[in-house]
Amino acid sequence: MGKVVEKRMERFLGDLRRSPVVPTVRSDGKPLEEALAEEHPAILVLGGNIFDLTRRIGGGKRRTQIFVNVDLIGGIAGDKNGIGFLSEHVEGIVSTNRQVIERANSTDLITVQRLFAIDTTAMERGLKLVRRTKPRCVEILPALAYPRMASSYSELLDRPVLAGGFVTSEEELSRILDAGAVGVSTSHEALWKHTVDSGVKS
């Protein structure tokens, strides 16, 4: 792991220990601006287009780290040139695609392999993929399935795991974190200000 991505990971994991919620947004809506106005471990951009995103996040100043889902955002591909462009503008990428993750592993990007926990076959196939791609993090969807997956597949705990989707309450969030996830990615804005010490701040 290079020094740049090592520092990014250290910052990401350290921030998650204090504030374990990662906002998920599109590049072209008000929630992105609201997320950028606060401090978060990262912001996960799931849609919109790369041109809106790079214009709105700017550059030069310290800001929340930006992770882009290459499979969902428009205007860029997960090929060598696309990954090279992203490595100059954001700090991480998310993808279900093996080749995208492997390509990005050779850059300073934090790589997040997204897995869908829809059944046993999907999980076993996903874990096989993770063993091959060696992402720096894993994201499990839906988040509510994570506690059961973690108890059934201890291998999930070998690397940092985010759980995403359908989390709308403090109780659900706590249950997922107690099961071993380092954080939860959600578009539910009421949870964005959750901290370990004080819960959701108003």
N, C-alpha and C. Protein backbone atom coordinates (compact mmCIF):
# COMPACT_ATOMS: atom_id res chain seq x y z
N MET A 1 0.84 -1.19 0.00
CA MET A 1 0.00 0.00 0.00
C MET A 1 0.88 1.24 0.00
N GLY A 2 0.65 2.17 -0.94
CA GLY A 2 1.43 3.39 -1.02
C GLY A 2 1.15 4.32 0.15
N LYS A 3 2.04 5.28 0.35
CA LYS A 3 1.92 6.18 1.49
C LYS A 3 0.67 7.05 1.42
N VAL A 4 0.30 7.48 0.21
CA VAL A 4 -0.87 8.35 0.08
C VAL A 4 -2.13 7.60 0.47
N VAL A 5 -2.34 6.43 -0.11
CA VAL A 5 -3.56 5.68 0.20
C VAL A 5 -3.53 5.17 1.64
N GLU A 6 -2.36 4.90 2.16
CA GLU A 6 -2.25 4.49 3.57
C GLU A 6 -2.73 5.61 4.49
N LYS A 7 -2.35 6.85 4.18
CA LYS A 7 -2.80 7.99 4.99
C LYS A 7 -4.30 8.21 4.83
N ARG A 8 -4.80 8.01 3.60
CA ARG A 8 -6.24 8.16 3.38
C ARG A 8 -7.03 7.12 4.18
N MET A 9 -6.54 5.89 4.17
CA MET A 9 -7.20 4.84 4.93
C MET A 9 -7.14 5.11 6.42
N GLU A 10 -6.00 5.56 6.90
CA GLU A 10 -5.85 5.87 8.32
C GLU A 10 -6.83 6.96 8.73
N ARG A 11 -6.95 8.00 7.90
CA ARG A 11 -7.90 9.09 8.18
C ARG A 11 -9.34 8.57 8.13
N PHE A 12 -9.66 7.77 7.11
CA PHE A 12 -11.01 7.24 6.95
C PHE A 12 -11.42 6.39 8.14
N LEU A 13 -10.58 5.44 8.52
CA LEU A 13 -10.92 4.55 9.62
C LEU A 13 -10.95 5.29 10.96
N GLY A 14 -10.05 6.24 11.12
CA GLY A 14 -10.06 7.04 12.35
C GLY A 14 -11.33 7.85 12.46
N ASP A 15 -11.76 8.48 11.36
CA ASP A 15 -13.00 9.25 11.38
C ASP A 15 -14.21 8.36 11.62
N LEU A 16 -14.20 7.14 11.06
CA LEU A 16 -15.32 6.22 11.27
C LEU A 16 -15.46 5.81 12.73
N ARG A 17 -14.35 5.74 13.45
CA ARG A 17 -14.43 5.36 14.86
C ARG A 17 -15.19 6.42 15.67
N ARG A 18 -15.14 7.66 15.21
CA ARG A 18 -15.85 8.74 15.90
C ARG A 18 -17.25 8.97 15.32
N SER A 19 -17.35 8.89 13.99
CA SER A 19 -18.61 9.16 13.29
C SER A 19 -18.82 8.09 12.22
N PRO A 20 -19.51 7.01 12.55
CA PRO A 20 -19.53 5.84 11.68
C PRO A 20 -20.53 5.87 10.53
N VAL A 21 -21.06 7.04 10.20
CA VAL A 21 -22.03 7.13 9.10
C VAL A 21 -21.41 7.84 7.90
N VAL A 22 -21.53 7.20 6.73
CA VAL A 22 -21.05 7.76 5.47
C VAL A 22 -22.27 8.18 4.64
N PRO A 23 -22.47 9.49 4.42
CA PRO A 23 -23.60 9.92 3.60
C PRO A 23 -23.49 9.43 2.16
N THR A 24 -24.61 9.00 1.60
CA THR A 24 -24.64 8.65 0.18
C THR A 24 -25.53 9.66 -0.54
N VAL A 25 -25.03 10.16 -1.67
CA VAL A 25 -25.70 11.24 -2.39
C VAL A 25 -25.50 11.07 -3.90
N ARG A 26 -26.19 11.88 -4.66
CA ARG A 26 -25.90 12.06 -6.08
C ARG A 26 -25.03 13.30 -6.24
N SER A 27 -24.42 13.43 -7.40
CA SER A 27 -23.53 14.58 -7.62
C SER A 27 -24.29 15.86 -7.92
N ASP A 28 -25.59 15.75 -8.22
CA ASP A 28 -26.32 16.89 -8.75
C ASP A 28 -27.47 17.36 -7.86
N GLY A 29 -27.40 17.08 -6.58
CA GLY A 29 -28.50 17.48 -5.71
C GLY A 29 -28.04 18.24 -4.48
N LYS A 30 -29.00 18.82 -3.77
CA LYS A 30 -28.72 19.58 -2.56
C LYS A 30 -28.05 18.75 -1.47
N PRO A 31 -28.39 17.45 -1.32
CA PRO A 31 -27.73 16.66 -0.27
C PRO A 31 -26.21 16.66 -0.35
N LEU A 32 -25.63 16.74 -1.56
CA LEU A 32 -24.17 16.79 -1.67
C LEU A 32 -23.64 18.04 -0.98
N GLU A 33 -24.25 19.17 -1.24
CA GLU A 33 -23.80 20.41 -0.61
C GLU A 33 -23.95 20.34 0.90
N GLU A 34 -25.05 19.74 1.36
CA GLU A 34 -25.27 19.62 2.80
C GLU A 34 -24.23 18.69 3.43
N ALA A 35 -23.89 17.62 2.74
CA ALA A 35 -22.87 16.71 3.26
C ALA A 35 -21.50 17.37 3.29
N LEU A 36 -21.18 18.13 2.24
CA LEU A 36 -19.88 18.81 2.17
C LEU A 36 -19.73 19.89 3.24
N ALA A 37 -20.86 20.41 3.72
CA ALA A 37 -20.81 21.48 4.72
C ALA A 37 -20.47 20.95 6.11
N GLU A 38 -20.54 19.63 6.30
CA GLU A 38 -20.23 19.01 7.58
C GLU A 38 -19.00 18.12 7.44
N GLU A 39 -18.48 17.69 8.58
CA GLU A 39 -17.36 16.75 8.56
C GLU A 39 -17.88 15.32 8.62
N HIS A 40 -17.44 14.49 7.69
CA HIS A 40 -17.83 13.08 7.64
C HIS A 40 -16.58 12.25 7.32
N PRO A 41 -16.61 10.97 7.62
CA PRO A 41 -15.48 10.11 7.25
C PRO A 41 -15.27 10.10 5.73
N ALA A 42 -16.38 10.12 4.98
CA ALA A 42 -16.34 10.18 3.52
C ALA A 42 -17.75 10.51 3.05
N ILE A 43 -17.87 10.86 1.79
CA ILE A 43 -19.17 11.00 1.13
C ILE A 43 -19.15 10.05 -0.06
N LEU A 44 -20.16 9.21 -0.15
CA LEU A 44 -20.25 8.24 -1.23
C LEU A 44 -21.20 8.76 -2.30
N VAL A 45 -20.69 8.99 -3.50
CA VAL A 45 -21.49 9.53 -4.60
C VAL A 45 -21.95 8.38 -5.48
N LEU A 46 -23.28 8.19 -5.52
CA LEU A 46 -23.85 7.02 -6.19
C LEU A 46 -24.45 7.33 -7.56
N GLY A 47 -24.57 8.59 -7.92
CA GLY A 47 -25.20 8.90 -9.20
C GLY A 47 -24.92 10.32 -9.62
N GLY A 48 -25.60 10.75 -10.69
CA GLY A 48 -25.31 12.04 -11.27
C GLY A 48 -24.22 11.89 -12.31
N ASN A 49 -23.38 12.91 -12.46
CA ASN A 49 -22.28 12.79 -13.41
C ASN A 49 -21.00 13.39 -12.86
N ILE A 50 -19.91 12.94 -13.41
CA ILE A 50 -18.59 13.31 -12.89
C ILE A 50 -18.28 14.78 -13.07
N PHE A 51 -18.88 15.41 -14.08
CA PHE A 51 -18.62 16.83 -14.33
C PHE A 51 -19.24 17.70 -13.24
N ASP A 52 -20.48 17.40 -12.87
CA ASP A 52 -21.10 18.10 -11.74
C ASP A 52 -20.27 17.89 -10.47
N LEU A 53 -19.85 16.68 -10.26
CA LEU A 53 -19.13 16.37 -9.03
C LEU A 53 -17.83 17.14 -8.92
N THR A 54 -16.98 17.08 -9.94
CA THR A 54 -15.68 17.75 -9.85
C THR A 54 -15.85 19.26 -9.73
N ARG A 55 -16.89 19.80 -10.36
CA ARG A 55 -17.14 21.24 -10.24
C ARG A 55 -17.56 21.61 -8.83
N ARG A 56 -18.37 20.78 -8.22
CA ARG A 56 -18.94 21.13 -6.93
C ARG A 56 -18.00 20.84 -5.75
N ILE A 57 -17.14 19.86 -5.88
CA ILE A 57 -16.25 19.58 -4.74
C ILE A 57 -15.01 20.45 -4.76
N GLY A 58 -14.68 21.03 -5.93
CA GLY A 58 -13.52 21.90 -6.01
C GLY A 58 -12.23 21.15 -5.74
N GLY A 59 -11.22 21.88 -5.39
CA GLY A 59 -9.92 21.26 -5.12
C GLY A 59 -9.06 22.19 -4.29
N GLY A 60 -7.97 21.66 -3.78
CA GLY A 60 -7.01 22.48 -3.06
C GLY A 60 -7.20 22.50 -1.56
N LYS A 61 -8.44 22.69 -1.09
CA LYS A 61 -8.64 22.77 0.37
C LYS A 61 -8.98 21.39 0.94
N ARG A 62 -8.70 21.23 2.20
CA ARG A 62 -9.04 19.97 2.88
C ARG A 62 -10.57 19.87 2.96
N ARG A 63 -11.08 18.74 2.57
CA ARG A 63 -12.51 18.50 2.61
C ARG A 63 -12.75 17.03 2.94
N THR A 64 -14.01 16.70 3.14
CA THR A 64 -14.36 15.30 3.34
C THR A 64 -13.92 14.48 2.13
N GLN A 65 -13.41 13.30 2.37
CA GLN A 65 -12.99 12.44 1.28
C GLN A 65 -14.21 12.01 0.46
N ILE A 66 -14.04 11.96 -0.85
CA ILE A 66 -15.10 11.61 -1.78
C ILE A 66 -14.83 10.24 -2.38
N PHE A 67 -15.83 9.36 -2.27
CA PHE A 67 -15.77 8.04 -2.92
C PHE A 67 -16.83 8.02 -4.02
N VAL A 68 -16.47 7.57 -5.20
CA VAL A 68 -17.38 7.56 -6.34
C VAL A 68 -17.72 6.13 -6.73
N ASN A 69 -19.02 5.85 -6.90
CA ASN A 69 -19.41 4.56 -7.43
C ASN A 69 -19.28 4.61 -8.95
N VAL A 70 -18.24 3.98 -9.46
CA VAL A 70 -17.93 4.05 -10.90
C VAL A 70 -19.03 3.40 -11.73
N ASP A 71 -19.75 2.44 -11.15
CA ASP A 71 -20.79 1.74 -11.89
C ASP A 71 -22.03 2.60 -12.11
N LEU A 72 -22.21 3.63 -11.28
CA LEU A 72 -23.46 4.39 -11.29
C LEU A 72 -23.33 5.84 -11.76
N ILE A 73 -22.16 6.43 -11.64
CA ILE A 73 -22.01 7.84 -12.01
C ILE A 73 -21.77 7.96 -13.52
N GLY A 74 -22.35 8.96 -14.12
CA GLY A 74 -22.23 9.14 -15.56
C GLY A 74 -21.00 9.94 -15.95
N GLY A 75 -20.59 9.80 -17.20
CA GLY A 75 -19.52 10.63 -17.75
C GLY A 75 -18.12 10.06 -17.61
N ILE A 76 -18.00 8.87 -17.02
CA ILE A 76 -16.67 8.29 -16.87
C ILE A 76 -16.78 6.76 -16.81
N ALA A 77 -15.76 6.10 -17.29
CA ALA A 77 -15.73 4.64 -17.30
C ALA A 77 -14.67 4.14 -16.32
N GLY A 78 -14.75 2.85 -16.02
CA GLY A 78 -13.78 2.26 -15.10
C GLY A 78 -12.56 1.71 -15.81
N ASP A 79 -12.23 2.27 -16.99
CA ASP A 79 -11.03 1.83 -17.70
C ASP A 79 -9.81 2.55 -17.14
N LYS A 80 -8.65 2.30 -17.72
CA LYS A 80 -7.40 2.86 -17.21
C LYS A 80 -7.45 4.39 -17.17
N ASN A 81 -7.95 5.00 -18.24
CA ASN A 81 -8.01 6.47 -18.28
C ASN A 81 -9.00 7.02 -17.27
N GLY A 82 -10.16 6.35 -17.14
CA GLY A 82 -11.15 6.81 -16.18
C GLY A 82 -10.64 6.72 -14.75
N ILE A 83 -10.01 5.62 -14.42
CA ILE A 83 -9.45 5.47 -13.08
C ILE A 83 -8.35 6.49 -12.83
N GLY A 84 -7.54 6.75 -13.85
CA GLY A 84 -6.49 7.77 -13.72
C GLY A 84 -7.07 9.14 -13.44
N PHE A 85 -8.15 9.48 -14.15
CA PHE A 85 -8.82 10.77 -13.92
C PHE A 85 -9.37 10.85 -12.50
N LEU A 86 -10.04 9.81 -12.08
CA LEU A 86 -10.62 9.81 -10.73
C LEU A 86 -9.56 9.94 -9.65
N SER A 87 -8.42 9.32 -9.88
CA SER A 87 -7.35 9.37 -8.87
C SER A 87 -6.81 10.78 -8.66
N GLU A 88 -7.08 11.66 -9.62
CA GLU A 88 -6.63 13.05 -9.50
C GLU A 88 -7.68 13.95 -8.85
N HIS A 89 -8.91 13.45 -8.68
CA HIS A 89 -9.99 14.30 -8.20
C HIS A 89 -10.69 13.81 -6.94
N VAL A 90 -10.68 12.51 -6.69
CA VAL A 90 -11.37 11.97 -5.52
C VAL A 90 -10.44 11.02 -4.78
N GLU A 91 -10.92 10.54 -3.64
CA GLU A 91 -10.06 9.71 -2.79
C GLU A 91 -10.39 8.22 -2.83
N GLY A 92 -11.56 7.87 -3.34
CA GLY A 92 -11.93 6.46 -3.34
C GLY A 92 -12.92 6.12 -4.43
N ILE A 93 -13.01 4.83 -4.75
CA ILE A 93 -14.01 4.35 -5.70
C ILE A 93 -14.71 3.13 -5.13
N VAL A 94 -15.96 2.94 -5.59
CA VAL A 94 -16.76 1.77 -5.23
C VAL A 94 -17.18 1.10 -6.53
N SER A 95 -17.15 -0.22 -6.56
CA SER A 95 -17.58 -0.93 -7.75
C SER A 95 -17.89 -2.39 -7.41
N THR A 96 -18.75 -2.99 -8.21
CA THR A 96 -18.96 -4.43 -8.14
C THR A 96 -18.05 -5.16 -9.11
N ASN A 97 -17.36 -4.41 -9.95
CA ASN A 97 -16.59 -4.97 -11.05
C ASN A 97 -15.16 -5.34 -10.63
N ARG A 98 -14.79 -6.58 -10.82
CA ARG A 98 -13.46 -7.06 -10.42
C ARG A 98 -12.35 -6.26 -11.08
N GLN A 99 -12.45 -6.06 -12.38
CA GLN A 99 -11.36 -5.39 -13.11
C GLN A 99 -11.19 -3.95 -12.68
N VAL A 100 -12.30 -3.28 -12.37
CA VAL A 100 -12.22 -1.89 -11.91
C VAL A 100 -11.46 -1.81 -10.58
N ILE A 101 -11.80 -2.70 -9.65
CA ILE A 101 -11.13 -2.70 -8.35
C ILE A 101 -9.65 -3.04 -8.50
N GLU A 102 -9.35 -4.04 -9.28
CA GLU A 102 -7.95 -4.43 -9.47
C GLU A 102 -7.15 -3.30 -10.12
N ARG A 103 -7.76 -2.62 -11.07
CA ARG A 103 -7.10 -1.50 -11.74
C ARG A 103 -6.82 -0.37 -10.75
N ALA A 104 -7.82 -0.07 -9.94
CA ALA A 104 -7.69 1.05 -9.00
C ALA A 104 -6.75 0.73 -7.84
N ASN A 105 -6.54 -0.55 -7.56
CA ASN A 105 -5.63 -0.93 -6.47
C ASN A 105 -4.20 -0.47 -6.73
N SER A 106 -3.88 -0.22 -7.99
CA SER A 106 -2.52 0.22 -8.31
C SER A 106 -2.37 1.73 -8.24
N THR A 107 -3.42 2.43 -7.81
CA THR A 107 -3.39 3.88 -7.66
C THR A 107 -3.47 4.24 -6.18
N ASP A 108 -3.62 5.53 -5.89
CA ASP A 108 -3.77 5.99 -4.52
C ASP A 108 -5.23 6.02 -4.06
N LEU A 109 -6.13 5.44 -4.84
CA LEU A 109 -7.54 5.42 -4.49
C LEU A 109 -7.84 4.34 -3.44
N ILE A 110 -8.69 4.66 -2.48
CA ILE A 110 -9.25 3.65 -1.60
C ILE A 110 -10.26 2.85 -2.41
N THR A 111 -10.10 1.55 -2.46
CA THR A 111 -11.01 0.72 -3.26
C THR A 111 -12.02 0.03 -2.34
N VAL A 112 -13.28 0.08 -2.76
CA VAL A 112 -14.36 -0.53 -2.00
C VAL A 112 -15.11 -1.49 -2.93
N GLN A 113 -15.03 -2.77 -2.63
CA GLN A 113 -15.74 -3.79 -3.41
C GLN A 113 -17.16 -3.91 -2.87
N ARG A 114 -18.15 -3.67 -3.72
CA ARG A 114 -19.55 -3.75 -3.30
C ARG A 114 -20.08 -5.15 -3.55
N LEU A 115 -20.71 -5.72 -2.51
CA LEU A 115 -21.30 -7.06 -2.59
C LEU A 115 -22.77 -7.00 -2.22
N PHE A 116 -23.57 -7.83 -2.88
CA PHE A 116 -25.00 -7.91 -2.57
C PHE A 116 -25.29 -9.22 -1.84
N ALA A 117 -25.78 -9.09 -0.61
CA ALA A 117 -26.03 -10.27 0.22
C ALA A 117 -27.46 -10.75 0.02
N ILE A 118 -27.75 -11.23 -1.19
CA ILE A 118 -29.12 -11.62 -1.49
C ILE A 118 -29.40 -13.08 -1.13
N ASP A 119 -28.36 -13.90 -1.11
CA ASP A 119 -28.51 -15.29 -0.69
C ASP A 119 -27.12 -15.89 -0.46
N THR A 120 -27.09 -17.14 -0.03
CA THR A 120 -25.82 -17.81 0.29
C THR A 120 -24.90 -17.89 -0.92
N THR A 121 -25.47 -18.20 -2.07
CA THR A 121 -24.65 -18.32 -3.28
C THR A 121 -23.99 -16.99 -3.62
N ALA A 122 -24.76 -15.91 -3.51
CA ALA A 122 -24.21 -14.58 -3.81
C ALA A 122 -23.09 -14.22 -2.85
N MET A 123 -23.26 -14.55 -1.56
CA MET A 123 -22.22 -14.22 -0.59
C MET A 123 -20.95 -15.02 -0.84
N GLU A 124 -21.09 -16.29 -1.12
CA GLU A 124 -19.90 -17.11 -1.36
C GLU A 124 -19.18 -16.66 -2.63
N ARG A 125 -19.95 -16.31 -3.64
CA ARG A 125 -19.34 -15.78 -4.86
C ARG A 125 -18.65 -14.44 -4.58
N GLY A 126 -19.31 -13.62 -3.75
CA GLY A 126 -18.74 -12.32 -3.42
C GLY A 126 -17.45 -12.43 -2.63
N LEU A 127 -17.40 -13.34 -1.68
CA LEU A 127 -16.18 -13.53 -0.89
C LEU A 127 -15.04 -14.07 -1.73
N LYS A 128 -15.37 -14.91 -2.68
CA LYS A 128 -14.36 -15.40 -3.61
C LYS A 128 -13.79 -14.24 -4.42
N LEU A 129 -14.68 -13.33 -4.82
CA LEU A 129 -14.25 -12.14 -5.57
C LEU A 129 -13.34 -11.27 -4.72
N VAL A 130 -13.70 -11.07 -3.45
CA VAL A 130 -12.90 -10.24 -2.55
C VAL A 130 -11.51 -10.84 -2.36
N ARG A 131 -11.44 -12.15 -2.23
CA ARG A 131 -10.13 -12.80 -2.08
C ARG A 131 -9.25 -12.54 -3.30
N ARG A 132 -9.88 -12.44 -4.44
CA ARG A 132 -9.11 -12.21 -5.67
C ARG A 132 -8.73 -10.74 -5.86
N THR A 133 -9.69 -9.84 -5.63
CA THR A 133 -9.43 -8.42 -5.93
C THR A 133 -8.65 -7.70 -4.83
N LYS A 134 -8.78 -8.20 -3.58
CA LYS A 134 -8.10 -7.58 -2.44
C LYS A 134 -8.40 -6.07 -2.32
N PRO A 135 -9.67 -5.71 -2.25
CA PRO A 135 -10.01 -4.28 -2.06
C PRO A 135 -9.59 -3.82 -0.68
N ARG A 136 -9.50 -2.53 -0.50
CA ARG A 136 -9.13 -2.00 0.82
C ARG A 136 -10.31 -2.01 1.77
N CYS A 137 -11.53 -2.00 1.24
CA CYS A 137 -12.74 -2.11 2.04
C CYS A 137 -13.78 -2.92 1.26
N VAL A 138 -14.80 -3.36 1.98
CA VAL A 138 -15.94 -4.04 1.36
C VAL A 138 -17.20 -3.30 1.78
N GLU A 139 -18.17 -3.21 0.86
CA GLU A 139 -19.49 -2.68 1.21
C GLU A 139 -20.51 -3.78 0.98
N ILE A 140 -21.30 -4.07 2.01
CA ILE A 140 -22.33 -5.11 1.94
C ILE A 140 -23.71 -4.45 1.84
N LEU A 141 -24.49 -4.87 0.86
CA LEU A 141 -25.87 -4.42 0.73
C LEU A 141 -26.80 -5.63 0.71
N PRO A 142 -27.98 -5.56 1.29
CA PRO A 142 -28.46 -4.47 2.14
C PRO A 142 -27.84 -4.54 3.54
N ALA A 143 -27.75 -3.38 4.16
CA ALA A 143 -27.09 -3.29 5.47
C ALA A 143 -27.76 -4.16 6.52
N LEU A 144 -29.08 -4.28 6.43
CA LEU A 144 -29.81 -5.03 7.45
C LEU A 144 -29.45 -6.51 7.44
N ALA A 145 -28.87 -6.98 6.34
CA ALA A 145 -28.43 -8.38 6.27
C ALA A 145 -27.05 -8.57 6.87
N TYR A 146 -26.34 -7.49 7.13
CA TYR A 146 -24.94 -7.61 7.55
C TYR A 146 -24.75 -8.42 8.84
N PRO A 147 -25.51 -8.17 9.92
CA PRO A 147 -25.26 -8.94 11.15
C PRO A 147 -25.31 -10.45 10.92
N ARG A 148 -26.27 -10.90 10.15
CA ARG A 148 -26.36 -12.34 9.88
C ARG A 148 -25.19 -12.80 9.02
N MET A 149 -24.81 -11.99 8.03
CA MET A 149 -23.69 -12.36 7.17
C MET A 149 -22.39 -12.43 7.97
N ALA A 150 -22.21 -11.48 8.89
CA ALA A 150 -20.98 -11.45 9.67
C ALA A 150 -20.87 -12.66 10.59
N SER A 151 -22.01 -13.12 11.12
CA SER A 151 -21.98 -14.28 12.00
C SER A 151 -21.77 -15.57 11.22
N SER A 152 -22.20 -15.58 9.96
CA SER A 152 -22.07 -16.78 9.13
C SER A 152 -20.75 -16.83 8.37
N TYR A 153 -20.20 -15.66 8.08
CA TYR A 153 -18.98 -15.58 7.27
C TYR A 153 -17.96 -14.71 7.99
N SER A 154 -17.23 -15.31 8.92
CA SER A 154 -16.27 -14.56 9.72
C SER A 154 -15.19 -13.91 8.87
N GLU A 155 -14.99 -14.42 7.67
CA GLU A 155 -14.00 -13.85 6.76
C GLU A 155 -14.30 -12.38 6.44
N LEU A 156 -15.58 -11.98 6.55
CA LEU A 156 -15.95 -10.59 6.31
C LEU A 156 -15.21 -9.64 7.24
N LEU A 157 -14.87 -10.11 8.42
CA LEU A 157 -14.22 -9.26 9.42
C LEU A 157 -12.73 -9.12 9.19
N ASP A 158 -12.20 -9.75 8.13
CA ASP A 158 -10.77 -9.66 7.84
C ASP A 158 -10.36 -8.30 7.30
N ARG A 159 -11.33 -7.53 6.82
CA ARG A 159 -11.05 -6.19 6.29
C ARG A 159 -12.20 -5.26 6.66
N PRO A 160 -11.99 -3.95 6.59
CA PRO A 160 -13.07 -3.02 6.97
C PRO A 160 -14.30 -3.21 6.10
N VAL A 161 -15.47 -3.24 6.74
CA VAL A 161 -16.73 -3.42 6.03
C VAL A 161 -17.68 -2.27 6.32
N LEU A 162 -18.22 -1.68 5.26
CA LEU A 162 -19.34 -0.76 5.35
C LEU A 162 -20.60 -1.56 5.04
N ALA A 163 -21.71 -1.19 5.66
CA ALA A 163 -23.00 -1.80 5.34
C ALA A 163 -23.90 -0.69 4.81
N GLY A 164 -24.56 -0.94 3.69
CA GLY A 164 -25.33 0.13 3.06
C GLY A 164 -26.75 -0.26 2.70
N GLY A 165 -27.65 0.71 2.80
CA GLY A 165 -29.01 0.52 2.32
C GLY A 165 -30.02 0.17 3.38
N PHE A 166 -31.15 0.89 3.39
CA PHE A 166 -32.32 0.59 4.22
C PHE A 166 -32.10 0.84 5.71
N VAL A 167 -31.07 1.59 6.09
CA VAL A 167 -30.87 1.91 7.50
C VAL A 167 -31.53 3.25 7.79
N THR A 168 -32.53 3.25 8.66
CA THR A 168 -33.28 4.48 8.93
C THR A 168 -33.43 4.80 10.41
N SER A 169 -32.83 3.98 11.29
CA SER A 169 -33.00 4.23 12.72
C SER A 169 -31.69 4.01 13.48
N GLU A 170 -31.64 4.61 14.66
CA GLU A 170 -30.49 4.43 15.54
C GLU A 170 -30.33 2.96 15.95
N GLU A 171 -31.44 2.29 16.15
CA GLU A 171 -31.39 0.89 16.58
C GLU A 171 -30.76 0.01 15.51
N GLU A 172 -31.16 0.23 14.27
CA GLU A 172 -30.58 -0.54 13.16
C GLU A 172 -29.10 -0.24 13.02
N LEU A 173 -28.76 1.03 13.12
CA LEU A 173 -27.36 1.44 13.01
C LEU A 173 -26.52 0.76 14.09
N SER A 174 -26.99 0.78 15.34
CA SER A 174 -26.24 0.17 16.45
C SER A 174 -26.08 -1.33 16.26
N ARG A 175 -27.13 -1.98 15.79
CA ARG A 175 -27.07 -3.42 15.59
C ARG A 175 -26.01 -3.80 14.55
N ILE A 176 -25.93 -3.00 13.50
CA ILE A 176 -24.96 -3.27 12.42
C ILE A 176 -23.53 -3.02 12.91
N LEU A 177 -23.34 -1.95 13.65
CA LEU A 177 -22.00 -1.64 14.17
C LEU A 177 -21.57 -2.67 15.21
N ASP A 178 -22.50 -3.10 16.04
CA ASP A 178 -22.18 -4.11 17.05
C ASP A 178 -21.78 -5.44 16.41
N ALA A 179 -22.26 -5.68 15.19
CA ALA A 179 -21.92 -6.92 14.49
C ALA A 179 -20.54 -6.87 13.84
N GLY A 180 -19.89 -5.69 13.86
CA GLY A 180 -18.53 -5.61 13.37
C GLY A 180 -18.27 -4.70 12.20
N ALA A 181 -19.32 -4.09 11.63
CA ALA A 181 -19.10 -3.14 10.53
C ALA A 181 -18.38 -1.90 11.06
N VAL A 182 -17.48 -1.33 10.26
CA VAL A 182 -16.80 -0.11 10.68
C VAL A 182 -17.66 1.12 10.45
N GLY A 183 -18.67 0.98 9.59
CA GLY A 183 -19.53 2.11 9.30
C GLY A 183 -20.74 1.70 8.48
N VAL A 184 -21.65 2.65 8.34
CA VAL A 184 -22.87 2.45 7.56
C VAL A 184 -22.98 3.56 6.54
N SER A 185 -23.26 3.20 5.29
CA SER A 185 -23.49 4.20 4.24
C SER A 185 -24.99 4.33 4.04
N THR A 186 -25.50 5.57 4.07
CA THR A 186 -26.94 5.78 3.99
C THR A 186 -27.27 7.15 3.42
N SER A 187 -28.41 7.21 2.73
CA SER A 187 -28.93 8.48 2.24
C SER A 187 -29.90 9.10 3.24
N HIS A 188 -30.14 8.42 4.35
CA HIS A 188 -31.09 8.89 5.37
C HIS A 188 -30.41 10.00 6.18
N GLU A 189 -30.74 11.24 5.86
CA GLU A 189 -30.00 12.38 6.40
C GLU A 189 -30.10 12.52 7.92
N ALA A 190 -31.16 12.00 8.50
CA ALA A 190 -31.31 12.11 9.95
C ALA A 190 -30.20 11.38 10.70
N LEU A 191 -29.51 10.45 10.04
CA LEU A 191 -28.44 9.69 10.69
C LEU A 191 -27.05 10.26 10.40
N TRP A 192 -26.96 11.23 9.53
CA TRP A 192 -25.64 11.70 9.10
C TRP A 192 -24.81 12.29 10.23
N LYS A 193 -25.44 12.85 11.23
CA LYS A 193 -24.69 13.49 12.32
C LYS A 193 -24.47 12.57 13.51
N HIS A 194 -24.74 11.29 13.31
CA HIS A 194 -24.53 10.33 14.40
C HIS A 194 -23.05 10.29 14.77
N THR A 195 -22.77 10.33 16.08
CA THR A 195 -21.42 10.12 16.57
C THR A 195 -21.46 9.01 17.63
N VAL A 196 -20.33 8.40 17.85
CA VAL A 196 -20.25 7.30 18.81
C VAL A 196 -20.61 7.78 20.21
N ASP A 197 -20.16 8.98 20.59
CA ASP A 197 -20.36 9.45 21.95
C ASP A 197 -21.75 9.98 22.24
N SER A 198 -22.37 10.61 21.23
CA SER A 198 -23.60 11.34 21.55
C SER A 198 -24.79 11.03 20.66
N GLY A 199 -24.69 10.01 19.80
CA GLY A 199 -25.81 9.71 18.93
C GLY A 199 -26.01 10.79 17.90
N VAL A 200 -27.24 11.02 17.48
CA VAL A 200 -27.53 12.04 16.48
C VAL A 200 -27.65 13.38 17.15
N LYS A 201 -26.89 14.33 16.68
CA LYS A 201 -26.96 15.69 17.19
C LYS A 201 -27.99 16.47 16.36
N SER A 202 -28.77 17.30 17.03
CA SER A 202 -29.73 18.12 16.30
C SER A 202 -29.08 19.44 15.89
